Amino acid sequence: MNPLQQDNSATLARLHDLDRAIANHAIWLARFNRQLICREAPSADDLAEDAHTRCRFGAWFYAAAQSDLADSTSLAAIESAHRSMHNIARHLLACQAAGEAVPGPDYDAFTAIATRFRQLLRRLEMDLMERLGAVDNLTGVWNRQAVNLRLAEEIERVQRTHQPCTVCYADLDNFGHINEIHGQRQGDAMLKAVAAFFAHHLRRYDTIFRIGGEEFLLCLPSTDVIQAGVLIDRLRVSLAGHTFALNGESLKITASFGVVALEPVFFIDETLERVERAQLIAKAEGGNQVCVWRDGWDEAA
């Protein structure tokens, strides 16, 4: 195994450990909320002054923090948020154990710090994904490895803020002809140019992934399917009308787009299947179209 493979293997192991630690934290959080809601007796660990070191996440974190998991600033922010979260949790559980009402503002503070803690963990996940190679080498956008993490983050935001999010599947029409007629060099240049075109025409907080040879996924936060249909149709028209100057040649290309809402009731794989299906409908209609998937039926934009 060469040094690069060793580094990737170590990063992947850290990422898997982090995933397990986050899952353990979710279990603790669910148990904590159940204790408050159902007025169950708290555990001695949760009432201890060092509760943040006794939970399964804390046990992992204080061991992992000795490695190069992240820079010291990131680790300090995670440690501070985790400690504060447990301090407030201990206070709320103590109030309940004493027969007192749980103060609303204190519970709001707990919710806020728990959300902040989760955001910091997501950021750490993304940092590890970057180390692992979650960026497409050709186009510079995110690759398929990053899709699940990014969409999981958005699903969490949708649940928390009740703001919509939409995903779009874009497949370049007749892209194989470019490789056949103009060569792979021009094909690669076109993929880079289209990725840059998407980045220029979308908003700075939208996310672009290259998930296949000529296939892209777009994540559009704070956008419902109606708004996304309009936005993506503008993108489609702009792309179809644009001439790419590539290595001394002028080339044009179109794309077929599928659009669906990112809904927490669906698994991420189900969402990806639905959005790809919408794109295939647009492709079947002749390409250079947008298909918006809403409530189980399809509408050509």
C-alpha atoms as a PDB file:
ATOM      1  CA  MET A   1       0.000   0.000   0.000  1.00  0.00           C
ATOM      2  CA  ASN A   2       1.480   3.357  -1.067  1.00  0.00           C
ATOM      3  CA  PRO A   3       1.471   6.444   1.212  1.00  0.00           C
ATOM      4  CA  LEU A   4      -1.581   7.957  -0.527  1.00  0.00           C
ATOM      5  CA  GLN A   5      -3.572   4.751  -0.096  1.00  0.00           C
ATOM      6  CA  GLN A   6      -2.520   4.603   3.543  1.00  0.00           C
ATOM      7  CA  ASP A   7      -3.675   8.199   4.090  1.00  0.00           C
ATOM      8  CA  ASN A   8      -7.018   7.498   2.396  1.00  0.00           C
ATOM      9  CA  SER A   9      -7.484   4.309   4.405  1.00  0.00           C
ATOM     10  CA  ALA A  10      -6.789   6.163   7.653  1.00  0.00           C
ATOM     11  CA  THR A  11      -9.153   9.000   6.707  1.00  0.00           C
ATOM     12  CA  LEU A  12     -11.886   6.537   5.765  1.00  0.00           C
ATOM     13  CA  ALA A  13     -11.462   4.780   9.121  1.00  0.00           C
ATOM     14  CA  ARG A  14     -11.771   8.126  10.938  1.00  0.00           C
ATOM     15  CA  LEU A  15     -14.872   8.948   8.897  1.00  0.00           C
ATOM     16  CA  HIS A  16     -16.492   5.634   9.794  1.00  0.00           C
ATOM     17  CA  ASP A  17     -15.619   6.175  13.470  1.00  0.00           C
ATOM     18  CA  LEU A  18     -17.118   9.650  13.308  1.00  0.00           C
ATOM     19  CA  ASP A  19     -20.295   8.286  11.721  1.00  0.00           C
ATOM     20  CA  ARG A  20     -20.647   5.775  14.562  1.00  0.00           C
ATOM     21  CA  ALA A  21     -19.987   8.488  17.144  1.00  0.00           C
ATOM     22  CA  ILE A  22     -22.656  10.708  15.589  1.00  0.00           C
ATOM     23  CA  ALA A  23     -25.110   7.790  15.627  1.00  0.00           C
ATOM     24  CA  ASN A  24     -24.340   7.228  19.323  1.00  0.00           C
ATOM     25  CA  HIS A  25     -24.959  10.910  19.973  1.00  0.00           C
ATOM     26  CA  ALA A  26     -28.338  10.654  18.231  1.00  0.00           C
ATOM     27  CA  ILE A  27     -29.251   7.731  20.489  1.00  0.00           C
ATOM     28  CA  TRP A  28     -28.263   9.740  23.571  1.00  0.00           C
ATOM     29  CA  LEU A  29     -30.248  12.757  22.375  1.00  0.00           C
ATOM     30  CA  ALA A  30     -33.367  10.665  21.777  1.00  0.00           C
ATOM     31  CA  ARG A  31     -33.037   9.100  25.236  1.00  0.00           C
ATOM     32  CA  PHE A  32     -32.573  12.509  26.845  1.00  0.00           C
ATOM     33  CA  ASN A  33     -35.715  13.906  25.213  1.00  0.00           C
ATOM     34  CA  ARG A  34     -37.665  10.802  26.222  1.00  0.00           C
ATOM     35  CA  GLN A  35     -36.567  11.307  29.832  1.00  0.00           C
ATOM     36  CA  LEU A  36     -37.858  14.871  29.787  1.00  0.00           C
ATOM     37  CA  ILE A  37     -41.117  14.124  27.997  1.00  0.00           C
ATOM     38  CA  CYS A  38     -41.952  10.908  29.852  1.00  0.00           C
ATOM     39  CA  ARG A  39     -40.510  12.108  33.163  1.00  0.00           C
ATOM     40  CA  GLU A  40     -38.231   9.088  33.430  1.00  0.00           C
ATOM     41  CA  ALA A  41     -35.490   8.899  36.052  1.00  0.00           C
ATOM     42  CA  PRO A  42     -32.186  10.245  34.650  1.00  0.00           C
ATOM     43  CA  SER A  43     -29.069   8.125  34.676  1.00  0.00           C
ATOM     44  CA  ALA A  44     -26.239   8.847  37.102  1.00  0.00           C
ATOM     45  CA  ASP A  45     -23.921   9.487  34.142  1.00  0.00           C
ATOM     46  CA  ASP A  46     -26.144  12.266  32.780  1.00  0.00           C
ATOM     47  CA  LEU A  47     -26.231  13.957  36.193  1.00  0.00           C
ATOM     48  CA  ALA A  48     -22.470  13.761  36.724  1.00  0.00           C
ATOM     49  CA  GLU A  49     -20.281  16.865  36.498  1.00  0.00           C
ATOM     50  CA  ASP A  50     -18.224  15.133  33.819  1.00  0.00           C
ATOM     51  CA  ALA A  51     -21.240  13.836  31.889  1.00  0.00           C
ATOM     52  CA  HIS A  52     -19.681  15.006  28.609  1.00  0.00           C
ATOM     53  CA  THR A  53     -16.905  12.425  29.030  1.00  0.00           C
ATOM     54  CA  ARG A  54     -19.209   9.556  30.036  1.00  0.00           C
ATOM     55  CA  CYS A  55     -21.467   9.391  26.995  1.00  0.00           C
ATOM     56  CA  ARG A  56     -20.357   7.162  24.123  1.00  0.00           C
ATOM     57  CA  PHE A  57     -19.646  10.147  21.892  1.00  0.00           C
ATOM     58  CA  GLY A  58     -17.496  11.749  24.588  1.00  0.00           C
ATOM     59  CA  ALA A  59     -15.576   8.530  25.184  1.00  0.00           C
ATOM     60  CA  TRP A  60     -14.761   8.356  21.478  1.00  0.00           C
ATOM     61  CA  PHE A  61     -14.050  12.066  21.085  1.00  0.00           C
ATOM     62  CA  TYR A  62     -11.512  12.378  23.878  1.00  0.00           C
ATOM     63  CA  ALA A  63      -9.603   9.439  22.418  1.00  0.00           C
ATOM     64  CA  ALA A  64      -9.889  10.602  18.793  1.00  0.00           C
ATOM     65  CA  ALA A  65      -8.932  14.168  19.646  1.00  0.00           C
ATOM     66  CA  GLN A  66      -5.377  12.996  20.242  1.00  0.00           C
ATOM     67  CA  SER A  67      -5.055  12.116  16.542  1.00  0.00           C
ATOM     68  CA  ASP A  68      -5.036  14.397  13.493  1.00  0.00           C
ATOM     69  CA  LEU A  69      -8.815  14.153  13.229  1.00  0.00           C
ATOM     70  CA  ALA A  70      -9.082  17.910  12.700  1.00  0.00           C
ATOM     71  CA  ASP A  71      -7.254  21.129  13.486  1.00  0.00           C
ATOM     72  CA  SER A  72      -7.158  22.318  17.088  1.00  0.00           C
ATOM     73  CA  THR A  73      -9.647  25.154  16.479  1.00  0.00           C
ATOM     74  CA  SER A  74     -12.310  22.775  15.145  1.00  0.00           C
ATOM     75  CA  LEU A  75     -11.757  20.321  17.969  1.00  0.00           C
ATOM     76  CA  ALA A  76     -11.986  23.092  20.566  1.00  0.00           C
ATOM     77  CA  ALA A  77     -15.313  24.297  19.106  1.00  0.00           C
ATOM     78  CA  ILE A  78     -16.739  20.757  19.133  1.00  0.00           C
ATOM     79  CA  GLU A  79     -15.512  20.130  22.681  1.00  0.00           C
ATOM     80  CA  SER A  80     -16.980  23.414  23.938  1.00  0.00           C
ATOM     81  CA  ALA A  81     -20.376  22.806  22.318  1.00  0.00           C
ATOM     82  CA  HIS A  82     -20.496  19.214  23.580  1.00  0.00           C
ATOM     83  CA  ARG A  83     -19.611  20.209  27.142  1.00  0.00           C
ATOM     84  CA  SER A  84     -22.181  23.050  27.146  1.00  0.00           C
ATOM     85  CA  MET A  85     -24.870  20.759  25.785  1.00  0.00           C
ATOM     86  CA  HIS A  86     -24.336  18.257  28.598  1.00  0.00           C
ATOM     87  CA  ASN A  87     -24.189  21.017  31.232  1.00  0.00           C
ATOM     88  CA  ILE A  88     -27.591  22.327  30.155  1.00  0.00           C
ATOM     89  CA  ALA A  89     -28.967  18.774  29.889  1.00  0.00           C
ATOM     90  CA  ARG A  90     -27.811  18.075  33.460  1.00  0.00           C
ATOM     91  CA  HIS A  91     -29.562  21.239  34.657  1.00  0.00           C
ATOM     92  CA  LEU A  92     -32.831  20.296  32.904  1.00  0.00           C
ATOM     93  CA  LEU A  93     -32.752  16.736  34.247  1.00  0.00           C
ATOM     94  CA  ALA A  94     -32.022  18.026  37.760  1.00  0.00           C
ATOM     95  CA  CYS A  95     -35.050  20.338  37.550  1.00  0.00           C
ATOM     96  CA  GLN A  96     -37.247  17.434  36.571  1.00  0.00           C
ATOM     97  CA  ALA A  97     -35.808  15.150  39.250  1.00  0.00           C
ATOM     98  CA  ALA A  98     -36.606  17.813  41.839  1.00  0.00           C
ATOM     99  CA  GLY A  99     -40.231  17.964  40.679  1.00  0.00           C
ATOM    100  CA  GLU A 100     -39.773  21.407  39.129  1.00  0.00           C
ATOM    101  CA  ALA A 101     -41.041  22.507  35.740  1.00  0.00           C
ATOM    102  CA  VAL A 102     -38.434  22.473  32.994  1.00  0.00           C
ATOM    103  CA  PRO A 103     -37.848  26.158  32.075  1.00  0.00           C
ATOM    104  CA  GLY A 104     -38.768  26.842  28.458  1.00  0.00           C
ATOM    105  CA  PRO A 105     -35.885  29.268  27.780  1.00  0.00           C
ATOM    106  CA  ASP A 106     -33.413  26.752  29.194  1.00  0.00           C
ATOM    107  CA  TYR A 107     -34.729  24.026  26.931  1.00  0.00           C
ATOM    108  CA  ASP A 108     -34.486  26.451  23.982  1.00  0.00           C
ATOM    109  CA  ALA A 109     -30.844  27.042  24.924  1.00  0.00           C
ATOM    110  CA  PHE A 110     -30.285  23.282  24.950  1.00  0.00           C
ATOM    111  CA  THR A 111     -31.873  22.936  21.507  1.00  0.00           C
ATOM    112  CA  ALA A 112     -29.727  25.753  20.128  1.00  0.00           C
ATOM    113  CA  ILE A 113     -26.443  24.329  21.417  1.00  0.00           C
ATOM    114  CA  ALA A 114     -27.413  20.812  20.280  1.00  0.00           C
ATOM    115  CA  THR A 115     -28.049  22.178  16.790  1.00  0.00           C
ATOM    116  CA  ARG A 116     -24.735  24.022  16.822  1.00  0.00           C
ATOM    117  CA  PHE A 117     -22.985  20.847  17.938  1.00  0.00           C
ATOM    118  CA  ARG A 118     -24.528  18.877  15.065  1.00  0.00           C
ATOM    119  CA  GLN A 119     -23.462  21.553  12.570  1.00  0.00           C
ATOM    120  CA  LEU A 120     -19.878  21.362  13.789  1.00  0.00           C
ATOM    121  CA  LEU A 121     -19.903  17.590  13.379  1.00  0.00           C
ATOM    122  CA  ARG A 122     -21.276  17.923   9.852  1.00  0.00           C
ATOM    123  CA  ARG A 123     -18.493  20.361   9.044  1.00  0.00           C
ATOM    124  CA  LEU A 124     -15.935  17.896  10.348  1.00  0.00           C
ATOM    125  CA  GLU A 125     -17.516  15.177   8.191  1.00  0.00           C
ATOM    126  CA  MET A 126     -17.194  17.396   5.133  1.00  0.00           C
ATOM    127  CA  ASP A 127     -13.551  18.151   5.954  1.00  0.00           C
ATOM    128  CA  LEU A 128     -12.809  14.431   6.144  1.00  0.00           C
ATOM    129  CA  MET A 129     -14.662  13.863   2.885  1.00  0.00           C
ATOM    130  CA  GLU A 130     -12.440  16.478   1.248  1.00  0.00           C
ATOM    131  CA  ARG A 131      -9.374  14.659   2.520  1.00  0.00           C
ATOM    132  CA  LEU A 132     -10.806  11.419   1.195  1.00  0.00           C
ATOM    133  CA  GLY A 133     -11.209  12.878  -2.263  1.00  0.00           C
ATOM    134  CA  ALA A 134     -14.850  13.952  -2.455  1.00  0.00           C
ATOM    135  CA  VAL A 135     -14.026  16.565  -5.082  1.00  0.00           C
ATOM    136  CA  ASP A 136     -14.189  15.651  -8.765  1.00  0.00           C
ATOM    137  CA  ASN A 137     -10.687  15.999 -10.160  1.00  0.00           C
ATOM    138  CA  LEU A 138     -11.817  17.058 -13.632  1.00  0.00           C
ATOM    139  CA  THR A 139     -14.460  19.691 -12.910  1.00  0.00           C
ATOM    140  CA  GLY A 140     -13.599  20.798  -9.361  1.00  0.00           C
ATOM    141  CA  VAL A 141     -17.170  20.279  -8.093  1.00  0.00           C
ATOM    142  CA  TRP A 142     -18.234  17.718  -5.477  1.00  0.00           C
ATOM    143  CA  ASN A 143     -18.305  14.097  -6.597  1.00  0.00           C
ATOM    144  CA  ARG A 144     -20.797  11.327  -5.815  1.00  0.00           C
ATOM    145  CA  GLN A 145     -19.086  10.462  -2.517  1.00  0.00           C
ATOM    146  CA  ALA A 146     -20.219  13.785  -1.091  1.00  0.00           C
ATOM    147  CA  VAL A 147     -23.879  13.518  -2.142  1.00  0.00           C
ATOM    148  CA  ASN A 148     -25.256  11.612   0.849  1.00  0.00           C
ATOM    149  CA  LEU A 149     -23.500  13.762   3.432  1.00  0.00           C
ATOM    150  CA  ARG A 150     -24.587  17.012   1.808  1.00  0.00           C
ATOM    151  CA  LEU A 151     -28.193  15.916   1.329  1.00  0.00           C
ATOM    152  CA  ALA A 152     -28.337  14.548   4.880  1.00  0.00           C
ATOM    153  CA  GLU A 153     -27.240  17.974   6.088  1.00  0.00           C
ATOM    154  CA  GLU A 154     -29.982  19.632   4.029  1.00  0.00           C
ATOM    155  CA  ILE A 155     -32.654  17.191   5.249  1.00  0.00           C
ATOM    156  CA  GLU A 156     -31.671  18.089   8.806  1.00  0.00           C
ATOM    157  CA  ARG A 157     -31.983  21.788   7.936  1.00  0.00           C
ATOM    158  CA  VAL A 158     -35.402  21.240   6.318  1.00  0.00           C
ATOM    159  CA  GLN A 159     -36.629  19.491   9.464  1.00  0.00           C
ATOM    160  CA  ARG A 160     -35.209  22.198  11.714  1.00  0.00           C
ATOM    161  CA  THR A 161     -36.248  25.334   9.800  1.00  0.00           C
ATOM    162  CA  HIS A 162     -39.198  24.031   7.743  1.00  0.00           C
ATOM    163  CA  GLN A 163     -37.622  25.759   4.741  1.00  0.00           C
ATOM    164  CA  PRO A 164     -37.807  23.787   1.476  1.00  0.00           C
ATOM    165  CA  CYS A 165     -34.938  22.343  -0.498  1.00  0.00           C
ATOM    166  CA  THR A 166     -34.935  20.978  -4.038  1.00  0.00           C
ATOM    167  CA  VAL A 167     -32.566  18.708  -5.929  1.00  0.00           C
ATOM    168  CA  CYS A 168     -32.069  18.638  -9.679  1.00  0.00           C
ATOM    169  CA  TYR A 169     -30.596  15.919 -11.890  1.00  0.00           C
ATOM    170  CA  ALA A 170     -28.941  17.263 -15.068  1.00  0.00           C
ATOM    171  CA  ASP A 171     -27.829  14.994 -17.907  1.00  0.00           C
ATOM    172  CA  LEU A 172     -26.083  16.504 -20.944  1.00  0.00           C
ATOM    173  CA  ASP A 173     -27.876  15.622 -24.177  1.00  0.00           C
ATOM    174  CA  ASN A 174     -25.980  13.670 -26.851  1.00  0.00           C
ATOM    175  CA  PHE A 175     -22.710  14.163 -25.000  1.00  0.00           C
ATOM    176  CA  GLY A 176     -21.305  10.967 -26.523  1.00  0.00           C
ATOM    177  CA  HIS A 177     -21.272  12.664 -29.925  1.00  0.00           C
ATOM    178  CA  ILE A 178     -18.780  15.238 -28.673  1.00  0.00           C
ATOM    179  CA  ASN A 179     -16.346  12.514 -27.669  1.00  0.00           C
ATOM    180  CA  GLU A 180     -16.937  10.640 -30.928  1.00  0.00           C
ATOM    181  CA  ILE A 181     -16.645  13.629 -33.249  1.00  0.00           C
ATOM    182  CA  HIS A 182     -14.273  15.956 -31.399  1.00  0.00           C
ATOM    183  CA  GLY A 183     -12.362  13.556 -29.144  1.00  0.00           C
ATOM    184  CA  GLN A 184     -12.150  12.950 -25.417  1.00  0.00           C
ATOM    185  CA  ARG A 185     -10.036  16.056 -24.857  1.00  0.00           C
ATOM    186  CA  GLN A 186     -12.901  18.228 -26.068  1.00  0.00           C
ATOM    187  CA  GLY A 187     -15.355  16.123 -24.094  1.00  0.00           C
ATOM    188  CA  ASP A 188     -13.405  16.731 -20.879  1.00  0.00           C
ATOM    189  CA  ALA A 189     -13.154  20.438 -21.718  1.00  0.00           C
ATOM    190  CA  MET A 190     -16.925  20.567 -22.192  1.00  0.00           C
ATOM    191  CA  LEU A 191     -17.571  18.917 -18.818  1.00  0.00           C
ATOM    192  CA  LYS A 192     -15.306  21.457 -17.106  1.00  0.00           C
ATOM    193  CA  ALA A 193     -16.977  24.318 -18.964  1.00  0.00           C
ATOM    194  CA  VAL A 194     -20.510  23.143 -18.130  1.00  0.00           C
ATOM    195  CA  ALA A 195     -19.633  22.764 -14.434  1.00  0.00           C
ATOM    196  CA  ALA A 196     -18.249  26.313 -14.467  1.00  0.00           C
ATOM    197  CA  PHE A 197     -21.372  27.489 -16.350  1.00  0.00           C
ATOM    198  CA  PHE A 198     -23.635  25.979 -13.687  1.00  0.00           C
ATOM    199  CA  ALA A 199     -21.559  27.544 -10.912  1.00  0.00           C
ATOM    200  CA  HIS A 200     -21.768  30.965 -12.587  1.00  0.00           C
ATOM    201  CA  HIS A 201     -25.524  30.850 -13.147  1.00  0.00           C
ATOM    202  CA  LEU A 202     -26.593  29.294  -9.843  1.00  0.00           C
ATOM    203  CA  ARG A 203     -26.527  30.971  -6.448  1.00  0.00           C
ATOM    204  CA  ARG A 204     -23.363  30.844  -4.346  1.00  0.00           C
ATOM    205  CA  TYR A 205     -25.064  28.683  -1.692  1.00  0.00           C
ATOM    206  CA  ASP A 206     -26.291  26.083  -4.206  1.00  0.00           C
ATOM    207  CA  THR A 207     -24.195  22.909  -4.449  1.00  0.00           C
ATOM    208  CA  ILE A 208     -23.063  21.155  -7.626  1.00  0.00           C
ATOM    209  CA  PHE A 209     -22.038  17.488  -7.817  1.00  0.00           C
ATOM    210  CA  ARG A 210     -20.737  15.503 -10.749  1.00  0.00           C
ATOM    211  CA  ILE A 211     -22.297  12.088 -10.211  1.00  0.00           C
ATOM    212  CA  GLY A 212     -21.516  10.366 -13.515  1.00  0.00           C
ATOM    213  CA  GLY A 213     -19.772  10.859 -16.834  1.00  0.00           C
ATOM    214  CA  GLU A 214     -21.987  13.709 -18.057  1.00  0.00           C
ATOM    215  CA  GLU A 215     -24.430  13.767 -15.154  1.00  0.00           C
ATOM    216  CA  PHE A 216     -24.673  16.447 -12.488  1.00  0.00           C
ATOM    217  CA  LEU A 217     -26.772  16.853  -9.353  1.00  0.00           C
ATOM    218  CA  LEU A 218     -27.729  20.316  -8.120  1.00  0.00           C
ATOM    219  CA  CYS A 219     -28.840  21.024  -4.546  1.00  0.00           C
ATOM    220  CA  LEU A 220     -30.944  24.182  -4.193  1.00  0.00           C
ATOM    221  CA  PRO A 221     -31.585  25.157  -0.538  1.00  0.00           C
ATOM    222  CA  SER A 222     -34.509  27.396   0.469  1.00  0.00           C
ATOM    223  CA  THR A 223     -36.207  26.673  -2.855  1.00  0.00           C
ATOM    224  CA  ASP A 224     -39.478  24.812  -3.418  1.00  0.00           C
ATOM    225  CA  VAL A 225     -40.169  22.780  -6.553  1.00  0.00           C
ATOM    226  CA  ILE A 226     -42.152  25.579  -8.230  1.00  0.00           C
ATOM    227  CA  GLN A 227     -39.349  28.095  -7.743  1.00  0.00           C
ATOM    228  CA  ALA A 228     -36.779  25.471  -8.729  1.00  0.00           C
ATOM    229  CA  GLY A 229     -38.685  24.658 -11.916  1.00  0.00           C
ATOM    230  CA  VAL A 230     -38.492  28.312 -12.960  1.00  0.00           C
ATOM    231  CA  LEU A 231     -34.842  28.658 -11.941  1.00  0.00           C
ATOM    232  CA  ILE A 232     -33.760  25.453 -13.691  1.00  0.00           C
ATOM    233  CA  ASP A 233     -35.707  26.278 -16.847  1.00  0.00           C
ATOM    234  CA  ARG A 234     -33.832  29.577 -17.043  1.00  0.00           C
ATOM    235  CA  LEU A 235     -30.614  27.616 -16.632  1.00  0.00           C
ATOM    236  CA  ARG A 236     -31.706  25.235 -19.416  1.00  0.00           C
ATOM    237  CA  VAL A 237     -32.451  28.102 -21.810  1.00  0.00           C
ATOM    238  CA  SER A 238     -29.169  29.850 -20.988  1.00  0.00           C
ATOM    239  CA  LEU A 239     -27.192  26.641 -21.507  1.00  0.00           C
ATOM    240  CA  ALA A 240     -28.878  25.892 -24.847  1.00  0.00           C
ATOM    241  CA  GLY A 241     -28.126  29.398 -26.081  1.00  0.00           C
ATOM    242  CA  HIS A 242     -24.513  29.470 -24.949  1.00  0.00           C
ATOM    243  CA  THR A 243     -21.558  28.838 -27.270  1.00  0.00           C
ATOM    244  CA  PHE A 244     -18.523  27.278 -25.621  1.00  0.00           C
ATOM    245  CA  ALA A 245     -15.149  28.186 -27.101  1.00  0.00           C
ATOM    246  CA  LEU A 246     -13.057  25.098 -26.415  1.00  0.00           C
ATOM    247  CA  ASN A 247      -9.540  24.590 -27.773  1.00  0.00           C
ATOM    248  CA  GLY A 248     -10.215  26.680 -30.863  1.00  0.00           C
ATOM    249  CA  GLU A 249     -13.654  25.193 -31.567  1.00  0.00           C
ATOM    250  CA  SER A 250     -17.119  26.596 -30.891  1.00  0.00           C
ATOM    251  CA  LEU A 251     -19.498  24.019 -29.430  1.00  0.00           C
ATOM    252  CA  LYS A 252     -23.045  24.076 -28.079  1.00  0.00           C
ATOM    253  CA  ILE A 253     -24.847  21.597 -25.847  1.00  0.00           C
ATOM    254  CA  THR A 254     -28.203  21.142 -24.139  1.00  0.00           C
ATOM    255  CA  ALA A 255     -29.259  19.184 -21.062  1.00  0.00           C
ATOM    256  CA  SER A 256     -32.303  17.382 -19.699  1.00  0.00           C
ATOM    257  CA  PHE A 257     -33.278  18.238 -16.122  1.00  0.00           C
ATOM    258  CA  GLY A 258     -35.335  16.478 -13.455  1.00  0.00           C
ATOM    259  CA  VAL A 259     -36.486  18.354 -10.341  1.00  0.00           C
ATOM    260  CA  VAL A 260     -37.856  16.987  -7.029  1.00  0.00           C
ATOM    261  CA  ALA A 261     -38.311  18.307  -3.511  1.00  0.00           C
ATOM    262  CA  LEU A 262     -35.898  17.034  -0.870  1.00  0.00           C
ATOM    263  CA  GLU A 263     -38.369  15.609   1.637  1.00  0.00           C
ATOM    264  CA  PRO A 264     -37.392  14.053   5.000  1.00  0.00           C
ATOM    265  CA  VAL A 265     -40.019  11.319   4.548  1.00  0.00           C
ATOM    266  CA  PHE A 266     -37.899   9.781   1.783  1.00  0.00           C
ATOM    267  CA  PHE A 267     -34.536   8.099   2.133  1.00  0.00           C
ATOM    268  CA  ILE A 268     -31.782   9.827   0.170  1.00  0.00           C
ATOM    269  CA  ASP A 269     -31.541   6.895  -2.258  1.00  0.00           C
ATOM    270  CA  GLU A 270     -35.282   7.193  -2.912  1.00  0.00           C
ATOM    271  CA  THR A 271     -34.924  10.903  -3.627  1.00  0.00           C
ATOM    272  CA  LEU A 272     -32.089  10.207  -6.057  1.00  0.00           C
ATOM    273  CA  GLU A 273     -34.185   7.562  -7.821  1.00  0.00           C
ATOM    274  CA  ARG A 274     -37.122   9.975  -8.137  1.00  0.00           C
ATOM    275  CA  VAL A 275     -35.040  12.845  -9.469  1.00  0.00           C
ATOM    276  CA  GLU A 276     -33.281  10.584 -11.985  1.00  0.00           C
ATOM    277  CA  ARG A 277     -36.669   9.270 -13.110  1.00  0.00           C
ATOM    278  CA  ALA A 278     -37.855  12.844 -13.686  1.00  0.00           C
ATOM    279  CA  GLN A 279     -34.745  13.533 -15.757  1.00  0.00           C
ATOM    280  CA  LEU A 280     -35.337  10.404 -17.838  1.00  0.00           C
ATOM    281  CA  ILE A 281     -38.865  11.637 -18.599  1.00  0.00           C
ATOM    282  CA  ALA A 282     -37.410  14.959 -19.792  1.00  0.00           C
ATOM    283  CA  LYS A 283     -34.902  13.020 -21.896  1.00  0.00           C
ATOM    284  CA  ALA A 284     -37.655  10.795 -23.350  1.00  0.00           C
ATOM    285  CA  GLU A 285     -39.581  13.898 -24.416  1.00  0.00           C
ATOM    286  CA  GLY A 286     -36.723  14.820 -26.728  1.00  0.00           C
ATOM    287  CA  GLY A 287     -34.220  16.374 -24.328  1.00  0.00           C
ATOM    288  CA  ASN A 288     -33.511  20.025 -23.558  1.00  0.00           C
ATOM    289  CA  GLN A 289     -36.452  20.036 -21.141  1.00  0.00           C
ATOM    290  CA  VAL A 290     -37.214  20.255 -17.435  1.00  0.00           C
ATOM    291  CA  CYS A 291     -39.461  17.721 -15.702  1.00  0.00           C
ATOM    292  CA  VAL A 292     -40.740  18.678 -12.242  1.00  0.00           C
ATOM    293  CA  TRP A 293     -41.825  15.734 -10.062  1.00  0.00           C
ATOM    294  CA  ARG A 294     -44.634  16.665  -7.683  1.00  0.00           C
ATOM    295  CA  ASP A 295     -46.807  14.379  -5.556  1.00  0.00           C
ATOM    296  CA  GLY A 296     -46.107  11.320  -7.649  1.00  0.00           C
ATOM    297  CA  TRP A 297     -46.812  12.854 -11.048  1.00  0.00           C
ATOM    298  CA  ASP A 298     -44.672  14.569 -13.628  1.00  0.00           C
ATOM    299  CA  GLU A 299     -45.036  17.907 -15.302  1.00  0.00           C
ATOM    300  CA  ALA A 300     -42.898  19.189 -18.143  1.00  0.00           C
ATOM    301  CA  ALA A 301     -41.814  22.730 -17.361  1.00  0.00           C
END
